[in-house]
PDB file of N, CA and C in Angstrom:
ATOM      1  N   MET A   1      10.629 -39.793  24.133  1.00  0.00           N
ATOM      2  CA  MET A   1      10.854 -38.547  23.407  1.00  0.00           C
ATOM      3  C   MET A   1      12.306 -38.126  23.599  1.00  0.00           C
ATOM      4  N   SER A   2      12.983 -37.811  22.517  1.00  0.00           N
ATOM      5  CA  SER A   2      14.395 -37.422  22.568  1.00  0.00           C
ATOM      6  C   SER A   2      14.570 -36.032  23.158  1.00  0.00           C
ATOM      7  N   VAL A   3      15.699 -35.846  23.824  1.00  0.00           N
ATOM      8  CA  VAL A   3      16.056 -34.560  24.403  1.00  0.00           C
ATOM      9  C   VAL A   3      16.812 -33.750  23.351  1.00  0.00           C
ATOM     10  N   SER A   4      16.348 -32.543  23.101  1.00  0.00           N
ATOM     11  CA  SER A   4      16.995 -31.659  22.142  1.00  0.00           C
ATOM     12  C   SER A   4      18.349 -31.206  22.681  1.00  0.00           C
ATOM     13  N   ARG A   5      19.329 -31.106  21.799  1.00  0.00           N
ATOM     14  CA  ARG A   5      20.659 -30.648  22.194  1.00  0.00           C
ATOM     15  C   ARG A   5      20.756 -29.125  22.220  1.00  0.00           C
ATOM     16  N   ILE A   6      19.832 -28.439  21.506  1.00  0.00           N
ATOM     17  CA  ILE A   6      19.906 -26.984  21.409  1.00  0.00           C
ATOM     18  C   ILE A   6      18.511 -26.381  21.364  1.00  0.00           C
ATOM     19  N   VAL A   7      18.355 -25.252  22.054  1.00  0.00           N
ATOM     20  CA  VAL A   7      17.114 -24.474  22.037  1.00  0.00           C
ATOM     21  C   VAL A   7      17.486 -23.004  21.868  1.00  0.00           C
ATOM     22  N   ALA A   8      16.495 -22.192  21.551  1.00  0.00           N
ATOM     23  CA  ALA A   8      16.706 -20.748  21.399  1.00  0.00           C
ATOM     24  C   ALA A   8      16.019 -20.008  22.533  1.00  0.00           C
ATOM     25  N   SER A   9      16.668 -18.981  23.036  1.00  0.00           N
ATOM     26  CA  SER A   9      16.039 -18.087  24.004  1.00  0.00           C
ATOM     27  C   SER A   9      15.010 -17.234  23.256  1.00  0.00           C
ATOM     28  N   PRO A  10      14.093 -16.590  23.977  1.00  0.00           N
ATOM     29  CA  PRO A  10      13.146 -15.688  23.301  1.00  0.00           C
ATOM     30  C   PRO A  10      13.862 -14.587  22.500  1.00  0.00           C
ATOM     31  N   SER A  11      14.940 -14.066  23.027  1.00  0.00           N
ATOM     32  CA  SER A  11      15.697 -13.028  22.323  1.00  0.00           C
ATOM     33  C   SER A  11      16.301 -13.566  21.026  1.00  0.00           C
ATOM     34  N   ALA A  12      16.860 -14.773  21.077  1.00  0.00           N
ATOM     35  CA  ALA A  12      17.429 -15.385  19.870  1.00  0.00           C
ATOM     36  C   ALA A  12      16.326 -15.695  18.862  1.00  0.00           C
ATOM     37  N   SER A  13      15.181 -16.185  19.329  1.00  0.00           N
ATOM     38  CA  SER A  13      14.076 -16.486  18.428  1.00  0.00           C
ATOM     39  C   SER A  13      13.608 -15.235  17.696  1.00  0.00           C
ATOM     40  N   ALA A  14      13.511 -14.121  18.413  1.00  0.00           N
ATOM     41  CA  ALA A  14      13.095 -12.863  17.785  1.00  0.00           C
ATOM     42  C   ALA A  14      14.105 -12.412  16.733  1.00  0.00           C
ATOM     43  N   LEU A  15      15.394 -12.552  17.036  1.00  0.00           N
ATOM     44  CA  LEU A  15      16.426 -12.155  16.081  1.00  0.00           C
ATOM     45  C   LEU A  15      16.425 -13.094  14.867  1.00  0.00           C
ATOM     46  N   ILE A  16      16.217 -14.375  15.084  1.00  0.00           N
ATOM     47  CA  ILE A  16      16.106 -15.315  13.963  1.00  0.00           C
ATOM     48  C   ILE A  16      14.936 -14.914  13.066  1.00  0.00           C
ATOM     49  N   ASP A  17      13.790 -14.596  13.668  1.00  0.00           N
ATOM     50  CA  ASP A  17      12.625 -14.184  12.880  1.00  0.00           C
ATOM     51  C   ASP A  17      12.938 -12.942  12.044  1.00  0.00           C
ATOM     52  N   GLU A  18      13.621 -11.978  12.640  1.00  0.00           N
ATOM     53  CA  GLU A  18      14.005 -10.750  11.936  1.00  0.00           C
ATOM     54  C   GLU A  18      14.929 -11.065  10.754  1.00  0.00           C
ATOM     55  N   LEU A  19      15.924 -11.904  10.992  1.00  0.00           N
ATOM     56  CA  LEU A  19      16.875 -12.245   9.933  1.00  0.00           C
ATOM     57  C   LEU A  19      16.233 -13.101   8.845  1.00  0.00           C
ATOM     58  N   ARG A  20      15.337 -13.998   9.232  1.00  0.00           N
ATOM     59  CA  ARG A  20      14.644 -14.838   8.248  1.00  0.00           C
ATOM     60  C   ARG A  20      13.767 -13.971   7.340  1.00  0.00           C
ATOM     61  N   ALA A  21      13.103 -12.975   7.918  1.00  0.00           N
ATOM     62  CA  ALA A  21      12.258 -12.077   7.123  1.00  0.00           C
ATOM     63  C   ALA A  21      13.098 -11.283   6.122  1.00  0.00           C
ATOM     64  N   ARG A  22      14.296 -10.951   6.505  1.00  0.00           N
ATOM     65  CA  ARG A  22      15.179 -10.143   5.661  1.00  0.00           C
ATOM     66  C   ARG A  22      15.958 -10.975   4.644  1.00  0.00           C
ATOM     67  N   HIS A  23      16.378 -12.177   5.033  1.00  0.00           N
ATOM     68  CA  HIS A  23      17.313 -12.942   4.212  1.00  0.00           C
ATOM     69  C   HIS A  23      16.778 -14.275   3.686  1.00  0.00           C
ATOM     70  N   GLY A  24      15.639 -14.740   4.168  1.00  0.00           N
ATOM     71  CA  GLY A  24      15.123 -16.044   3.752  1.00  0.00           C
ATOM     72  C   GLY A  24      15.629 -17.152   4.653  1.00  0.00           C
ATOM     73  N   ASP A  25      15.745 -18.348   4.104  1.00  0.00           N
ATOM     74  CA  ASP A  25      16.171 -19.510   4.890  1.00  0.00           C
ATOM     75  C   ASP A  25      17.581 -19.311   5.438  1.00  0.00           C
ATOM     76  N   LEU A  26      17.778 -19.777   6.676  1.00  0.00           N
ATOM     77  CA  LEU A  26      19.030 -19.564   7.395  1.00  0.00           C
ATOM     78  C   LEU A  26      19.666 -20.885   7.802  1.00  0.00           C
ATOM     79  N   MET A  27      20.905 -20.783   8.239  1.00  0.00           N
ATOM     80  CA  MET A  27      21.620 -21.896   8.856  1.00  0.00           C
ATOM     81  C   MET A  27      22.573 -21.312   9.892  1.00  0.00           C
ATOM     82  N   PHE A  28      22.932 -22.103  10.873  1.00  0.00           N
ATOM     83  CA  PHE A  28      23.973 -21.725  11.840  1.00  0.00           C
ATOM     84  C   PHE A  28      25.138 -22.680  11.688  1.00  0.00           C
ATOM     85  N   HIS A  29      26.336 -22.135  11.897  1.00  0.00           N
ATOM     86  CA  HIS A  29      27.531 -22.974  11.956  1.00  0.00           C
ATOM     87  C   HIS A  29      28.428 -22.457  13.066  1.00  0.00           C
ATOM     88  N   GLN A  30      28.930 -23.366  13.867  1.00  0.00           N
ATOM     89  CA  GLN A  30      29.853 -23.041  14.956  1.00  0.00           C
ATOM     90  C   GLN A  30      31.128 -23.838  14.715  1.00  0.00           C
ATOM     91  N   SER A  31      32.201 -23.128  14.385  1.00  0.00           N
ATOM     92  CA  SER A  31      33.402 -23.827  13.938  1.00  0.00           C
ATOM     93  C   SER A  31      34.448 -24.035  15.018  1.00  0.00           C
ATOM     94  N   GLY A  32      34.620 -23.058  15.877  1.00  0.00           N
ATOM     95  CA  GLY A  32      35.738 -23.123  16.818  1.00  0.00           C
ATOM     96  C   GLY A  32      37.038 -22.772  16.137  1.00  0.00           C
ATOM     97  N   GLY A  33      36.945 -22.199  14.942  1.00  0.00           N
ATOM     98  CA  GLY A  33      38.128 -21.866  14.149  1.00  0.00           C
ATOM     99  C   GLY A  33      38.748 -20.542  14.523  1.00  0.00           C
ATOM    100  N   CYS A  34      39.630 -20.099  13.677  1.00  0.00           N
ATOM    101  CA  CYS A  34      40.453 -18.932  13.975  1.00  0.00           C
ATOM    102  C   CYS A  34      39.711 -17.610  13.842  1.00  0.00           C
ATOM    103  N   CYS A  35      38.783 -17.491  12.905  1.00  0.00           N
ATOM    104  CA  CYS A  35      38.179 -16.186  12.618  1.00  0.00           C
ATOM    105  C   CYS A  35      37.138 -15.770  13.647  1.00  0.00           C
ATOM    106  N   GLU A  36      36.202 -16.631  13.927  1.00  0.00           N
ATOM    107  CA  GLU A  36      35.104 -16.279  14.827  1.00  0.00           C
ATOM    108  C   GLU A  36      35.157 -17.051  16.137  1.00  0.00           C
ATOM    109  N   GLY A  37      36.194 -17.799  16.361  1.00  0.00           N
ATOM    110  CA  GLY A  37      36.279 -18.591  17.583  1.00  0.00           C
ATOM    111  C   GLY A  37      35.154 -19.596  17.629  1.00  0.00           C
ATOM    112  N   SER A  38      34.530 -19.745  18.779  1.00  0.00           N
ATOM    113  CA  SER A  38      33.439 -20.709  18.891  1.00  0.00           C
ATOM    114  C   SER A  38      32.077 -20.022  18.844  1.00  0.00           C
ATOM    115  N   ALA A  39      32.024 -18.809  18.305  1.00  0.00           N
ATOM    116  CA  ALA A  39      30.761 -18.089  18.190  1.00  0.00           C
ATOM    117  C   ALA A  39      29.894 -18.704  17.095  1.00  0.00           C
ATOM    118  N   PRO A  40      28.585 -18.788  17.330  1.00  0.00           N
ATOM    119  CA  PRO A  40      27.700 -19.278  16.270  1.00  0.00           C
ATOM    120  C   PRO A  40      27.585 -18.230  15.164  1.00  0.00           C
ATOM    121  N   MET A  41      27.709 -18.681  13.938  1.00  0.00           N
ATOM    122  CA  MET A  41      27.536 -17.775  12.802  1.00  0.00           C
ATOM    123  C   MET A  41      26.196 -18.089  12.140  1.00  0.00           C
ATOM    124  N   CYS A  42      25.404 -17.058  11.908  1.00  0.00           N
ATOM    125  CA  CYS A  42      24.138 -17.185  11.208  1.00  0.00           C
ATOM    126  C   CYS A  42      24.378 -16.772   9.759  1.00  0.00           C
ATOM    127  N   LEU A  43      24.014 -17.659   8.847  1.00  0.00           N
ATOM    128  CA  LEU A  43      24.269 -17.441   7.422  1.00  0.00           C
ATOM    129  C   LEU A  43      23.021 -17.776   6.621  1.00  0.00           C
ATOM    130  N   LYS A  44      22.963 -17.290   5.381  1.00  0.00           N
ATOM    131  CA  LYS A  44      21.908 -17.745   4.479  1.00  0.00           C
ATOM    132  C   LYS A  44      22.106 -19.240   4.280  1.00  0.00           C
ATOM    133  N   ASP A  45      21.001 -19.971   4.247  1.00  0.00           N
ATOM    134  CA  ASP A  45      21.094 -21.416   4.086  1.00  0.00           C
ATOM    135  C   ASP A  45      21.869 -21.748   2.817  1.00  0.00           C
ATOM    136  N   GLY A  46      22.869 -22.616   2.947  1.00  0.00           N
ATOM    137  CA  GLY A  46      23.691 -23.026   1.822  1.00  0.00           C
ATOM    138  C   GLY A  46      24.879 -22.124   1.550  1.00  0.00           C
ATOM    139  N   GLU A  47      24.987 -21.009   2.257  1.00  0.00           N
ATOM    140  CA  GLU A  47      26.088 -20.073   2.033  1.00  0.00           C
ATOM    141  C   GLU A  47      27.415 -20.614   2.556  1.00  0.00           C
ATOM    142  N   PHE A  48      27.343 -21.502   3.527  1.00  0.00           N
ATOM    143  CA  PHE A  48      28.536 -22.136   4.077  1.00  0.00           C
ATOM    144  C   PHE A  48      28.542 -23.580   3.608  1.00  0.00           C
ATOM    145  N   LEU A  49      29.629 -23.990   2.989  1.00  0.00           N
ATOM    146  CA  LEU A  49      29.714 -25.361   2.496  1.00  0.00           C
ATOM    147  C   LEU A  49      30.088 -26.307   3.632  1.00  0.00           C
ATOM    148  N   LEU A  50      29.198 -27.240   3.901  1.00  0.00           N
ATOM    149  CA  LEU A  50      29.429 -28.228   4.940  1.00  0.00           C
ATOM    150  C   LEU A  50      30.224 -29.383   4.375  1.00  0.00           C
ATOM    151  N   GLY A  51      31.018 -29.988   5.228  1.00  0.00           N
ATOM    152  CA  GLY A  51      31.825 -31.121   4.783  1.00  0.00           C
ATOM    153  C   GLY A  51      31.810 -32.248   5.789  1.00  0.00           C
ATOM    154  N   THR A  52      32.668 -33.213   5.557  1.00  0.00           N
ATOM    155  CA  THR A  52      32.725 -34.381   6.424  1.00  0.00           C
ATOM    156  C   THR A  52      33.243 -34.046   7.822  1.00  0.00           C
ATOM    157  N   SER A  53      33.784 -32.846   8.000  1.00  0.00           N
ATOM    158  CA  SER A  53      34.264 -32.440   9.321  1.00  0.00           C
ATOM    159  C   SER A  53      33.178 -31.727  10.122  1.00  0.00           C
ATOM    160  N   ASP A  54      31.924 -31.730   9.629  1.00  0.00           N
ATOM    161  CA  ASP A  54      30.811 -31.068  10.308  1.00  0.00           C
ATOM    162  C   ASP A  54      29.731 -32.069  10.697  1.00  0.00           C
ATOM    163  N   VAL A  55      28.970 -31.722  11.738  1.00  0.00           N
ATOM    164  CA  VAL A  55      27.804 -32.501  12.151  1.00  0.00           C
ATOM    165  C   VAL A  55      26.626 -31.557  12.341  1.00  0.00           C
ATOM    166  N   LYS A  56      25.435 -32.095  12.136  1.00  0.00           N
ATOM    167  CA  LYS A  56      24.211 -31.333  12.420  1.00  0.00           C
ATOM    168  C   LYS A  56      23.815 -31.651  13.850  1.00  0.00           C
ATOM    169  N   VAL A  57      23.875 -30.646  14.701  1.00  0.00           N
ATOM    170  CA  VAL A  57      23.578 -30.810  16.126  1.00  0.00           C
ATOM    171  C   VAL A  57      22.074 -30.856  16.364  1.00  0.00           C
ATOM    172  N   GLY A  58      21.328 -30.121  15.549  1.00  0.00           N
ATOM    173  CA  GLY A  58      19.880 -30.075  15.711  1.00  0.00           C
ATOM    174  C   GLY A  58      19.296 -28.940  14.907  1.00  0.00           C
ATOM    175  N   VAL A  59      18.056 -28.608  15.256  1.00  0.00           N
ATOM    176  CA  VAL A  59      17.345 -27.499  14.623  1.00  0.00           C
ATOM    177  C   VAL A  59      16.908 -26.573  15.747  1.00  0.00           C
ATOM    178  N   VAL A  60      17.224 -25.292  15.583  1.00  0.00           N
ATOM    179  CA  VAL A  60      16.899 -24.309  16.609  1.00  0.00           C
ATOM    180  C   VAL A  60      15.986 -23.245  15.998  1.00  0.00           C
ATOM    181  N   HIS A  61      14.794 -23.135  16.528  1.00  0.00           N
ATOM    182  CA  HIS A  61      13.775 -22.202  16.038  1.00  0.00           C
ATOM    183  C   HIS A  61      13.614 -22.324  14.517  1.00  0.00           C
ATOM    184  N   GLY A  62      13.588 -23.584  14.046  1.00  0.00           N
ATOM    185  CA  GLY A  62      13.377 -23.858  12.637  1.00  0.00           C
ATOM    186  C   GLY A  62      14.596 -23.730  11.748  1.00  0.00           C
ATOM    187  N   VAL A  63      15.766 -23.517  12.347  1.00  0.00           N
ATOM    188  CA  VAL A  63      16.999 -23.306  11.582  1.00  0.00           C
ATOM    189  C   VAL A  63      17.993 -24.418  11.920  1.00  0.00           C
ATOM    190  N   PRO A  64      18.554 -25.090  10.902  1.00  0.00           N
ATOM    191  CA  PRO A  64      19.548 -26.130  11.189  1.00  0.00           C
ATOM    192  C   PRO A  64      20.803 -25.535  11.829  1.00  0.00           C
ATOM    193  N   TYR A  65      21.342 -26.264  12.804  1.00  0.00           N
ATOM    194  CA  TYR A  65      22.512 -25.816  13.553  1.00  0.00           C
ATOM    195  C   TYR A  65      23.618 -26.849  13.386  1.00  0.00           C
ATOM    196  N   TYR A  66      24.719 -26.435  12.770  1.00  0.00           N
ATOM    197  CA  TYR A  66      25.851 -27.308  12.487  1.00  0.00           C
ATOM    198  C   TYR A  66      27.056 -26.908  13.319  1.00  0.00           C
ATOM    199  N   MET A  67      27.925 -27.872  13.539  1.00  0.00           N
ATOM    200  CA  MET A  67      29.129 -27.625  14.312  1.00  0.00           C
ATOM    201  C   MET A  67      30.259 -28.476  13.748  1.00  0.00           C
ATOM    202  N   ASN A  68      31.456 -27.940  13.810  1.00  0.00           N
ATOM    203  CA  ASN A  68      32.625 -28.715  13.436  1.00  0.00           C
ATOM    204  C   ASN A  68      32.738 -29.904  14.393  1.00  0.00           C
ATOM    205  N   LYS A  69      33.074 -31.088  13.868  1.00  0.00           N
ATOM    206  CA  LYS A  69      33.158 -32.307  14.701  1.00  0.00           C
ATOM    207  C   LYS A  69      34.093 -32.141  15.887  1.00  0.00           C
ATOM    208  N   THR A  70      35.235 -31.529  15.654  1.00  0.00           N
ATOM    209  CA  THR A  70      36.195 -31.342  16.736  1.00  0.00           C
ATOM    210  C   THR A  70      35.615 -30.441  17.817  1.00  0.00           C
ATOM    211  N   GLN A  71      34.931 -29.388  17.415  1.00  0.00           N
ATOM    212  CA  GLN A  71      34.267 -28.492  18.364  1.00  0.00           C
ATOM    213  C   GLN A  71      33.184 -29.259  19.121  1.00  0.00           C
ATOM    214  N   PHE A  72      32.428 -30.087  18.392  1.00  0.00           N
ATOM    215  CA  PHE A  72      31.355 -30.857  19.022  1.00  0.00           C
ATOM    216  C   PHE A  72      31.880 -31.785  20.115  1.00  0.00           C
ATOM    217  N   GLU A  73      33.076 -32.317  19.935  1.00  0.00           N
ATOM    218  CA  GLU A  73      33.646 -33.192  20.960  1.00  0.00           C
ATOM    219  C   GLU A  73      33.762 -32.481  22.306  1.00  0.00           C
ATOM    220  N   TYR A  74      33.968 -31.172  22.297  1.00  0.00           N
ATOM    221  CA  TYR A  74      34.028 -30.393  23.541  1.00  0.00           C
ATOM    222  C   TYR A  74      32.639 -30.115  24.106  1.00  0.00           C
ATOM    223  N   TRP A  75      31.629 -30.041  23.244  1.00  0.00           N
ATOM    224  CA  TRP A  75      30.296 -29.600  23.636  1.00  0.00           C
ATOM    225  C   TRP A  75      29.281 -30.745  23.739  1.00  0.00           C
ATOM    226  N   GLU A  76      29.660 -31.970  23.382  1.00  0.00           N
ATOM    227  CA  GLU A  76      28.672 -33.037  23.264  1.00  0.00           C
ATOM    228  C   GLU A  76      27.948 -33.383  24.564  1.00  0.00           C
ATOM    229  N   HIS A  77      28.499 -33.044  25.697  1.00  0.00           N
ATOM    230  CA  HIS A  77      27.867 -33.351  26.985  1.00  0.00           C
ATOM    231  C   HIS A  77      27.094 -32.161  27.554  1.00  0.00           C
ATOM    232  N   THR A  78      26.893 -31.135  26.728  1.00  0.00           N
ATOM    233  CA  THR A  78      26.226 -29.932  27.210  1.00  0.00           C
ATOM    234  C   THR A  78      24.973 -29.617  26.412  1.00  0.00           C
ATOM    235  N   HIS A  79      23.982 -29.103  27.113  1.00  0.00           N
ATOM    236  CA  HIS A  79      22.769 -28.590  26.485  1.00  0.00           C
ATOM    237  C   HIS A  79      23.072 -27.151  26.086  1.00  0.00           C
ATOM    238  N   LEU A  80      22.783 -26.812  24.849  1.00  0.00           N
ATOM    239  CA  LEU A  80      23.112 -25.497  24.317  1.00  0.00           C
ATOM    240  C   LEU A  80      21.868 -24.626  24.231  1.00  0.00           C
ATOM    241  N   THR A  81      22.009 -23.382  24.640  1.00  0.00           N
ATOM    242  CA  THR A  81      20.956 -22.390  24.462  1.00  0.00           C
ATOM    243  C   THR A  81      21.524 -21.267  23.612  1.00  0.00           C
ATOM    244  N   LEU A  82      20.941 -21.100  22.430  1.00  0.00           N
ATOM    245  CA  LEU A  82      21.318 -19.994  21.567  1.00  0.00           C
ATOM    246  C   LEU A  82      20.644 -18.746  22.112  1.00  0.00           C
ATOM    247  N   ASP A  83      21.434 -17.716  22.383  1.00  0.00           N
ATOM    248  CA  ASP A  83      20.909 -16.472  22.928  1.00  0.00           C
ATOM    249  C   ASP A  83      21.345 -15.329  22.019  1.00  0.00           C
ATOM    250  N   ALA A  84      20.715 -14.182  22.174  1.00  0.00           N
ATOM    251  CA  ALA A  84      21.097 -12.975  21.449  1.00  0.00           C
ATOM    252  C   ALA A  84      21.138 -11.823  22.443  1.00  0.00           C
ATOM    253  N   ILE A  85      22.220 -11.085  22.416  1.00  0.00           N
ATOM    254  CA  ILE A  85      22.410  -9.976  23.346  1.00  0.00           C
ATOM    255  C   ILE A  85      22.865  -8.739  22.573  1.00  0.00           C
ATOM    256  N   PRO A  86      22.721  -7.548  23.176  1.00  0.00           N
ATOM    257  CA  PRO A  86      23.198  -6.331  22.515  1.00  0.00           C
ATOM    258  C   PRO A  86      24.711  -6.369  22.313  1.00  0.00           C
ATOM    259  N   GLY A  87      25.157  -5.754  21.239  1.00  0.00           N
ATOM    260  CA  GLY A  87      26.581  -5.674  20.947  1.00  0.00           C
ATOM    261  C   GLY A  87      26.874  -6.256  19.588  1.00  0.00           C
ATOM    262  N   HIS A  88      28.118  -6.176  19.203  1.00  0.00           N
ATOM    263  CA  HIS A  88      28.523  -6.669  17.894  1.00  0.00           C
ATOM    264  C   HIS A  88      29.323  -7.952  18.053  1.00  0.00           C
ATOM    265  N   GLY A  89      28.995  -8.909  17.237  1.00  0.00           N
ATOM    266  CA  GLY A  89      29.664 -10.200  17.276  1.00  0.00           C
ATOM    267  C   GLY A  89      30.506 -10.409  16.044  1.00  0.00           C
ATOM    268  N   GLY A  90      30.438 -11.614  15.515  1.00  0.00           N
ATOM    269  CA  GLY A  90      31.244 -12.000  14.373  1.00  0.00           C
ATOM    270  C   GLY A  90      30.922 -11.217  13.121  1.00  0.00           C
ATOM    271  N   MET A  91      31.953 -10.839  12.403  1.00  0.00           N
ATOM    272  CA  MET A  91      31.729 -10.013  11.221  1.00  0.00           C
ATOM    273  C   MET A  91      31.167 -10.784  10.045  1.00  0.00           C
ATOM    274  N   PHE A  92      31.189 -12.111  10.077  1.00  0.00           N
ATOM    275  CA  PHE A  92      30.656 -12.892   8.969  1.00  0.00           C
ATOM    276  C   PHE A  92      29.201 -13.289   9.191  1.00  0.00           C
ATOM    277  N   SER A  93      28.674 -13.077  10.372  1.00  0.00           N
ATOM    278  CA  SER A  93      27.335 -13.505  10.724  1.00  0.00           C
ATOM    279  C   SER A  93      26.306 -12.444  10.331  1.00  0.00           C
ATOM    280  N   LEU A  94      25.133 -12.889   9.876  1.00  0.00           N
ATOM    281  CA  LEU A  94      24.109 -11.984   9.362  1.00  0.00           C
ATOM    282  C   LEU A  94      23.607 -10.958  10.371  1.00  0.00           C
ATOM    283  N   GLU A  95      23.689 -11.237  11.642  1.00  0.00           N
ATOM    284  CA  GLU A  95      23.154 -10.297  12.637  1.00  0.00           C
ATOM    285  C   GLU A  95      24.071  -9.103  12.885  1.00  0.00           C
ATOM    286  N   GLN A  96      25.226  -9.087  12.262  1.00  0.00           N
ATOM    287  CA  GLN A  96      26.224  -8.034  12.484  1.00  0.00           C
ATOM    288  C   GLN A  96      25.605  -6.634  12.407  1.00  0.00           C
ATOM    289  N   ALA A  97      24.732  -6.383  11.450  1.00  0.00           N
ATOM    290  CA  ALA A  97      24.167  -5.040  11.246  1.00  0.00           C
ATOM    291  C   ALA A  97      23.012  -4.709  12.184  1.00  0.00           C
ATOM    292  N   THR A  98      22.617  -5.635  13.045  1.00  0.00           N
ATOM    293  CA  THR A  98      21.439  -5.413  13.892  1.00  0.00           C
ATOM    294  C   THR A  98      21.767  -4.782  15.242  1.00  0.00           C
ATOM    295  N   GLY A  99      23.043  -4.731  15.599  1.00  0.00           N
ATOM    296  CA  GLY A  99      23.413  -4.250  16.926  1.00  0.00           C
ATOM    297  C   GLY A  99      23.271  -5.321  17.995  1.00  0.00           C
ATOM    298  N   LYS A 100      23.014  -6.546  17.579  1.00  0.00           N
ATOM    299  CA  LYS A 100      22.921  -7.688  18.495  1.00  0.00           C
ATOM    300  C   LYS A 100      23.844  -8.773  17.974  1.00  0.00           C
ATOM    301  N   HIS A 101      24.130  -9.738  18.838  1.00  0.00           N
ATOM    302  CA  HIS A 101      24.880 -10.896  18.357  1.00  0.00           C
ATOM    303  C   HIS A 101      24.459 -12.155  19.091  1.00  0.00           C
ATOM    304  N   PHE A 102      24.612 -13.266  18.371  1.00  0.00           N
ATOM    305  CA  PHE A 102      24.287 -14.565  18.936  1.00  0.00           C
ATOM    306  C   PHE A 102      25.445 -15.056  19.781  1.00  0.00           C
ATOM    307  N   LEU A 103      25.106 -15.790  20.820  1.00  0.00           N
ATOM    308  CA  LEU A 103      26.107 -16.492  21.620  1.00  0.00           C
ATOM    309  C   LEU A 103      25.481 -17.762  22.153  1.00  0.00           C
ATOM    310  N   ILE A 104      26.329 -18.643  22.632  1.00  0.00           N
ATOM    311  CA  ILE A 104      25.870 -19.917  23.185  1.00  0.00           C
ATOM    312  C   ILE A 104      26.052 -19.918  24.694  1.00  0.00           C
ATOM    313  N   ARG A 105      25.012 -20.328  25.380  1.00  0.00           N
ATOM    314  CA  ARG A 105      25.083 -20.588  26.817  1.00  0.00           C
ATOM    315  C   ARG A 105      24.959 -22.107  26.956  1.00  0.00           C
ATOM    316  N   SER A 106      25.633 -22.661  27.923  1.00  0.00           N
ATOM    317  CA  SER A 106      25.596 -24.115  28.030  1.00  0.00           C
ATOM    318  C   SER A 106      25.510 -24.566  29.477  1.00  0.00           C
ATOM    319  N   ARG A 107      25.030 -25.784  29.635  1.00  0.00           N
ATOM    320  CA  ARG A 107      25.004 -26.465  30.929  1.00  0.00           C
ATOM    321  C   ARG A 107      25.162 -27.945  30.640  1.00  0.00           C
ATOM    322  N   LEU A 108      25.666 -28.681  31.592  1.00  0.00           N
ATOM    323  CA  LEU A 108      25.800 -30.123  31.407  1.00  0.00           C
ATOM    324  C   LEU A 108      24.431 -30.779  31.376  1.00  0.00           C
ATOM    325  N   PHE A 109      24.299 -31.815  30.559  1.00  0.00           N
ATOM    326  CA  PHE A 109      23.068 -32.596  30.568  1.00  0.00           C
ATOM    327  C   PHE A 109      22.956 -33.326  31.899  1.00  0.00           C
ATOM    328  N   THR A 110      21.740 -33.513  32.361  1.00  0.00           N
ATOM    329  CA  THR A 110      21.531 -34.368  33.529  1.00  0.00           C
ATOM    330  C   THR A 110      21.751 -35.815  33.082  1.00  0.00           C
ATOM    331  N   ASP A 111      21.900 -36.715  34.024  1.00  0.00           N
ATOM    332  CA  ASP A 111      22.068 -38.128  33.686  1.00  0.00           C
ATOM    333  C   ASP A 111      20.870 -38.642  32.898  1.00  0.00           C
ATOM    334  N   ASP A 112      19.656 -38.240  33.303  1.00  0.00           N
ATOM    335  CA  ASP A 112      18.451 -38.680  32.594  1.00  0.00           C
ATOM    336  C   ASP A 112      18.430 -38.141  31.169  1.00  0.00           C
ATOM    337  N   GLU A 113      18.767 -36.868  30.987  1.00  0.00           N
ATOM    338  CA  GLU A 113      18.798 -36.282  29.644  1.00  0.00           C
ATOM    339  C   GLU A 113      19.827 -36.986  28.762  1.00  0.00           C
ATOM    340  N   ALA A 114      20.988 -37.253  29.322  1.00  0.00           N
ATOM    341  CA  ALA A 114      22.079 -37.851  28.550  1.00  0.00           C
ATOM    342  C   ALA A 114      21.711 -39.215  27.985  1.00  0.00           C
ATOM    343  N   GLN A 115      20.767 -39.898  28.611  1.00  0.00           N
ATOM    344  CA  GLN A 115      20.357 -41.226  28.144  1.00  0.00           C
ATOM    345  C   GLN A 115      19.391 -41.161  26.968  1.00  0.00           C
ATOM    346  N   ASP A 116      18.847 -39.979  26.667  1.00  0.00           N
ATOM    347  CA  ASP A 116      17.813 -39.881  25.631  1.00  0.00           C
ATOM    348  C   ASP A 116      18.059 -38.702  24.682  1.00  0.00           C
ATOM    349  N   LEU A 117      19.314 -38.475  24.323  1.00  0.00           N
ATOM    350  CA  LEU A 117      19.657 -37.345  23.459  1.00  0.00           C
ATOM    351  C   LEU A 117      19.327 -37.611  21.999  1.00  0.00           C
ATOM    352  N   GLU A 118      18.913 -36.543  21.308  1.00  0.00           N
ATOM    353  CA  GLU A 118      18.767 -36.626  19.865  1.00  0.00           C
ATOM    354  C   GLU A 118      20.132 -36.930  19.265  1.00  0.00           C
ATOM    355  N   PRO A 119      20.197 -37.806  18.291  1.00  0.00           N
ATOM    356  CA  PRO A 119      21.502 -38.088  17.670  1.00  0.00           C
ATOM    357  C   PRO A 119      21.943 -36.936  16.777  1.00  0.00           C
ATOM    358  N   VAL A 120      23.237 -36.784  16.621  1.00  0.00           N
ATOM    359  CA  VAL A 120      23.763 -35.808  15.660  1.00  0.00           C
ATOM    360  C   VAL A 120      23.856 -36.508  14.310  1.00  0.00           C
ATOM    361  N   GLN A 121      23.836 -35.707  13.253  1.00  0.00           N
ATOM    362  CA  GLN A 121      23.902 -36.257  11.907  1.00  0.00           C
ATOM    363  C   GLN A 121      25.198 -35.823  11.234  1.00  0.00           C
ATOM    364  N   ALA A 122      25.891 -36.753  10.641  1.00  0.00           N
ATOM    365  CA  ALA A 122      27.106 -36.428   9.893  1.00  0.00           C
ATOM    366  C   ALA A 122      26.740 -35.645   8.637  1.00  0.00           C
ATOM    367  N   CYS A 123      27.607 -34.750   8.231  1.00  0.00           N
ATOM    368  CA  CYS A 123      27.422 -33.975   7.004  1.00  0.00           C
ATOM    369  C   CYS A 123      28.410 -34.459   5.951  1.00  0.00           C
ATOM    370  N   GLY A 124      28.153 -34.018   4.732  1.00  0.00           N
ATOM    371  CA  GLY A 124      29.081 -34.286   3.636  1.00  0.00           C
ATOM    372  C   GLY A 124      28.996 -35.667   3.223  1.00  0.00           C
TER     373      GLY A 124
END
């Protein structure tokens, strides 16, 4: 059985459910770019155009999670936990109006986990 690269905390799962009920199908993208830094952005599915510079890291609480390839090179050895905490995050992300924001917590994969990781998928 493959080891998932990303999971959602209970708080993130609840916020995803709230946003899905309000907006429909969702997607996450983590760019590492200038506007939102490395914060995960939650968007309506298809609202962000993916290209050859993106990879699909996995699916978190039923939502596809994409990352810029260059950003992924920094994170590829870490297990990601999508969390949601009080406060305001990125202005382009759907949770902006909820008073909460998504963030990523990470830890290094164990040696055993690293041998059985789910593969990432190229986009575009």
